[in-house]
């Protein structure tokens, strides 16, 4: 889950860790298939309990970014670390 209030690891390190954990658990599907939730809201954050569904909150920048910037960061770092 991407959130301005989340941890701030590098995206590449995060994706690598997720893939390694899935591989160690023998979950080949999860090793390559990761879900990222991006909220594109003018009022800063989710209003529902979406965070209760997620294991990790991640912040990629200290200020708000456009949705396409966030999506681009996710795709590039996922491709560089997992594929």
N, C-alpha and C. Protein backbone atom coordinates (compact mmCIF):
# COMPACT_ATOMS: atom_id res chain seq x y z
N UNK A 1 0.85 -1.16 0.00
CA UNK A 1 0.00 0.00 0.00
C UNK A 1 0.89 1.23 0.00
N UNK A 2 0.65 2.11 -0.92
CA UNK A 2 1.40 3.37 -0.99
C UNK A 2 0.67 4.42 -0.17
N UNK A 3 1.40 5.06 0.73
CA UNK A 3 0.81 6.05 1.62
C UNK A 3 1.86 7.09 1.98
N UNK A 4 1.46 8.36 2.10
CA UNK A 4 2.43 9.38 2.52
C UNK A 4 2.93 9.14 3.94
N UNK A 5 2.20 8.33 4.71
CA UNK A 5 2.59 8.06 6.09
C UNK A 5 3.35 6.74 6.23
N UNK A 6 3.73 6.12 5.13
CA UNK A 6 4.37 4.81 5.18
C UNK A 6 5.87 4.87 5.37
N UNK A 7 6.46 3.66 5.45
CA UNK A 7 7.91 3.53 5.53
C UNK A 7 8.52 4.05 4.24
N UNK A 8 9.83 4.28 4.25
CA UNK A 8 10.45 4.85 3.06
C UNK A 8 11.65 4.02 2.58
N UNK A 9 11.43 2.71 2.28
CA UNK A 9 12.54 1.94 1.69
C UNK A 9 12.63 2.26 0.20
N UNK A 10 13.69 1.84 -0.45
CA UNK A 10 13.70 2.01 -1.90
C UNK A 10 12.71 1.01 -2.48
N UNK A 11 12.04 1.39 -3.56
CA UNK A 11 11.05 0.51 -4.18
C UNK A 11 11.72 -0.77 -4.67
N UNK A 12 12.91 -0.66 -5.22
CA UNK A 12 13.60 -1.84 -5.73
C UNK A 12 13.91 -2.82 -4.60
N UNK A 13 14.36 -2.32 -3.46
CA UNK A 13 14.64 -3.18 -2.31
C UNK A 13 13.36 -3.83 -1.80
N UNK A 14 12.27 -3.09 -1.78
CA UNK A 14 10.99 -3.62 -1.32
C UNK A 14 10.51 -4.74 -2.23
N UNK A 15 10.51 -4.53 -3.54
CA UNK A 15 10.07 -5.56 -4.48
C UNK A 15 10.98 -6.79 -4.42
N UNK A 16 12.27 -6.59 -4.28
CA UNK A 16 13.19 -7.72 -4.18
C UNK A 16 12.90 -8.55 -2.94
N UNK A 17 12.63 -7.88 -1.82
CA UNK A 17 12.32 -8.59 -0.57
C UNK A 17 11.01 -9.37 -0.70
N UNK A 18 9.99 -8.76 -1.28
CA UNK A 18 8.71 -9.45 -1.46
C UNK A 18 8.90 -10.70 -2.32
N UNK A 19 9.63 -10.58 -3.41
CA UNK A 19 9.87 -11.72 -4.30
C UNK A 19 10.69 -12.80 -3.60
N UNK A 20 11.70 -12.42 -2.83
CA UNK A 20 12.51 -13.40 -2.10
C UNK A 20 11.70 -14.12 -1.04
N UNK A 21 10.86 -13.39 -0.30
CA UNK A 21 10.01 -14.00 0.72
C UNK A 21 9.03 -14.99 0.09
N UNK A 22 8.45 -14.63 -1.04
CA UNK A 22 7.51 -15.52 -1.73
C UNK A 22 8.23 -16.76 -2.24
N UNK A 23 9.42 -16.59 -2.77
CA UNK A 23 10.19 -17.72 -3.28
C UNK A 23 10.57 -18.66 -2.14
N UNK A 24 10.99 -18.10 -1.00
CA UNK A 24 11.35 -18.91 0.16
C UNK A 24 10.15 -19.70 0.69
N UNK A 25 8.96 -19.12 0.55
CA UNK A 25 7.74 -19.79 1.00
C UNK A 25 7.23 -20.79 -0.04
N UNK A 26 7.88 -20.85 -1.19
CA UNK A 26 7.47 -21.77 -2.25
C UNK A 26 6.26 -21.29 -3.03
N UNK A 27 5.98 -20.00 -2.97
CA UNK A 27 4.82 -19.44 -3.66
C UNK A 27 5.28 -18.79 -4.97
N UNK A 28 5.33 -19.58 -6.03
CA UNK A 28 5.83 -19.06 -7.31
C UNK A 28 4.93 -17.98 -7.89
N UNK A 29 3.62 -18.07 -7.64
CA UNK A 29 2.71 -17.06 -8.17
C UNK A 29 3.00 -15.70 -7.53
N UNK A 30 3.12 -15.66 -6.20
CA UNK A 30 3.36 -14.40 -5.49
C UNK A 30 4.76 -13.86 -5.75
N UNK A 31 5.66 -14.75 -6.16
CA UNK A 31 7.03 -14.31 -6.45
C UNK A 31 7.05 -13.29 -7.59
N UNK A 32 6.14 -13.41 -8.55
CA UNK A 32 6.10 -12.51 -9.71
C UNK A 32 4.87 -11.62 -9.75
N UNK A 33 3.88 -11.87 -8.91
CA UNK A 33 2.61 -11.14 -8.97
C UNK A 33 2.39 -10.37 -7.67
N UNK A 34 2.61 -9.08 -7.73
CA UNK A 34 2.52 -8.21 -6.57
C UNK A 34 1.42 -7.19 -6.82
N UNK A 35 0.63 -6.91 -5.80
CA UNK A 35 -0.45 -5.92 -5.92
C UNK A 35 -0.02 -4.62 -5.24
N UNK A 36 -0.16 -3.52 -5.93
CA UNK A 36 0.11 -2.19 -5.37
C UNK A 36 -1.15 -1.35 -5.49
N UNK A 37 -1.57 -0.74 -4.40
CA UNK A 37 -2.74 0.14 -4.42
C UNK A 37 -2.27 1.58 -4.45
N UNK A 38 -2.75 2.33 -5.44
CA UNK A 38 -2.39 3.74 -5.57
C UNK A 38 -3.66 4.56 -5.37
N UNK A 39 -3.62 5.48 -4.45
CA UNK A 39 -4.77 6.36 -4.24
C UNK A 39 -4.52 7.70 -4.92
N UNK A 40 -5.41 8.11 -5.78
CA UNK A 40 -5.25 9.39 -6.47
C UNK A 40 -6.30 10.37 -5.98
N UNK A 41 -6.13 10.86 -4.78
CA UNK A 41 -7.16 11.68 -4.15
C UNK A 41 -6.68 13.12 -3.93
N UNK A 42 -7.54 14.09 -4.14
CA UNK A 42 -7.16 15.47 -3.87
C UNK A 42 -7.11 15.77 -2.37
N UNK A 43 -7.72 14.90 -1.56
CA UNK A 43 -7.77 15.16 -0.11
C UNK A 43 -6.75 14.33 0.66
N UNK A 44 -5.69 13.89 0.00
CA UNK A 44 -4.50 13.33 0.61
C UNK A 44 -4.49 11.83 0.87
N UNK A 45 -5.56 11.18 1.34
CA UNK A 45 -5.44 9.79 1.74
C UNK A 45 -6.76 9.04 1.63
N UNK A 46 -6.73 7.72 1.81
CA UNK A 46 -7.94 6.91 1.81
C UNK A 46 -8.83 7.28 2.98
N UNK A 47 -10.14 7.22 2.78
CA UNK A 47 -11.08 7.51 3.86
C UNK A 47 -11.63 6.24 4.49
N UNK A 48 -11.49 5.11 3.83
CA UNK A 48 -11.97 3.84 4.37
C UNK A 48 -10.81 3.08 5.01
N UNK A 49 -11.11 1.93 5.57
CA UNK A 49 -10.09 1.14 6.25
C UNK A 49 -9.31 0.25 5.27
N UNK A 50 -8.81 0.81 4.21
CA UNK A 50 -8.04 0.07 3.23
C UNK A 50 -6.74 -0.44 3.85
N UNK A 51 -6.17 0.31 4.76
CA UNK A 51 -4.91 -0.07 5.38
C UNK A 51 -5.02 -1.38 6.15
N UNK A 52 -6.21 -1.71 6.63
CA UNK A 52 -6.41 -2.97 7.34
C UNK A 52 -6.24 -4.18 6.44
N UNK A 53 -6.32 -4.00 5.14
CA UNK A 53 -6.18 -5.09 4.18
C UNK A 53 -4.73 -5.32 3.75
N UNK A 54 -3.85 -4.40 4.12
CA UNK A 54 -2.48 -4.43 3.61
C UNK A 54 -1.48 -4.74 4.71
N UNK A 55 -0.39 -5.36 4.30
CA UNK A 55 0.65 -5.68 5.26
C UNK A 55 1.68 -4.59 5.44
N UNK A 56 1.93 -3.82 4.40
CA UNK A 56 3.00 -2.82 4.43
C UNK A 56 2.53 -1.51 3.83
N UNK A 57 2.85 -0.41 4.51
CA UNK A 57 2.60 0.92 3.95
C UNK A 57 3.95 1.50 3.53
N UNK A 58 4.00 2.03 2.32
CA UNK A 58 5.25 2.55 1.77
C UNK A 58 5.04 3.96 1.25
N UNK A 59 6.00 4.82 1.52
CA UNK A 59 6.00 6.18 0.99
C UNK A 59 7.19 6.30 0.05
N UNK A 60 6.95 6.77 -1.18
CA UNK A 60 8.07 6.89 -2.11
C UNK A 60 8.59 8.32 -2.22
N UNK A 61 7.87 9.26 -1.61
CA UNK A 61 8.30 10.65 -1.65
C UNK A 61 7.62 11.38 -0.50
N UNK A 62 8.25 12.40 0.02
CA UNK A 62 7.71 13.10 1.19
C UNK A 62 6.50 13.98 0.88
N UNK A 63 6.27 14.28 -0.39
CA UNK A 63 5.12 15.11 -0.77
C UNK A 63 4.26 14.35 -1.77
N UNK A 64 3.07 14.90 -2.05
CA UNK A 64 2.16 14.25 -2.99
C UNK A 64 2.76 14.22 -4.39
N UNK A 65 2.49 13.13 -5.11
CA UNK A 65 2.93 12.97 -6.49
C UNK A 65 1.71 12.70 -7.36
N UNK A 66 1.85 12.89 -8.65
CA UNK A 66 0.76 12.55 -9.55
C UNK A 66 0.65 11.03 -9.65
N UNK A 67 -0.54 10.54 -9.97
CA UNK A 67 -0.77 9.10 -10.07
C UNK A 67 0.15 8.48 -11.11
N UNK A 68 0.32 9.13 -12.26
CA UNK A 68 1.16 8.54 -13.30
C UNK A 68 2.63 8.51 -12.90
N UNK A 69 3.07 9.42 -12.06
CA UNK A 69 4.44 9.38 -11.56
C UNK A 69 4.63 8.18 -10.64
N UNK A 70 3.67 7.97 -9.75
CA UNK A 70 3.72 6.83 -8.83
C UNK A 70 3.67 5.52 -9.61
N UNK A 71 2.75 5.42 -10.57
CA UNK A 71 2.63 4.20 -11.38
C UNK A 71 3.93 3.92 -12.13
N UNK A 72 4.54 4.95 -12.66
CA UNK A 72 5.80 4.79 -13.38
C UNK A 72 6.90 4.28 -12.45
N UNK A 73 6.99 4.84 -11.26
CA UNK A 73 7.99 4.39 -10.28
C UNK A 73 7.78 2.92 -9.94
N UNK A 74 6.53 2.53 -9.74
CA UNK A 74 6.22 1.14 -9.42
C UNK A 74 6.65 0.22 -10.56
N UNK A 75 6.23 0.54 -11.77
CA UNK A 75 6.53 -0.32 -12.92
C UNK A 75 8.03 -0.46 -13.17
N UNK A 76 8.74 0.65 -13.15
CA UNK A 76 10.19 0.61 -13.41
C UNK A 76 10.91 -0.19 -12.34
N UNK A 77 10.60 0.06 -11.08
CA UNK A 77 11.29 -0.64 -10.00
C UNK A 77 10.91 -2.11 -9.92
N UNK A 78 9.65 -2.44 -10.20
CA UNK A 78 9.24 -3.84 -10.25
C UNK A 78 9.99 -4.57 -11.36
N UNK A 79 10.03 -3.96 -12.52
CA UNK A 79 10.73 -4.57 -13.66
C UNK A 79 12.21 -4.77 -13.36
N UNK A 80 12.84 -3.80 -12.73
CA UNK A 80 14.28 -3.88 -12.43
C UNK A 80 14.61 -4.89 -11.34
N UNK A 81 13.68 -5.15 -10.42
CA UNK A 81 14.01 -6.01 -9.29
C UNK A 81 13.42 -7.41 -9.38
N UNK A 82 12.32 -7.60 -10.08
CA UNK A 82 11.64 -8.90 -10.07
C UNK A 82 11.74 -9.62 -11.41
N UNK A 83 11.57 -8.91 -12.49
CA UNK A 83 11.54 -9.57 -13.80
C UNK A 83 12.93 -9.81 -14.36
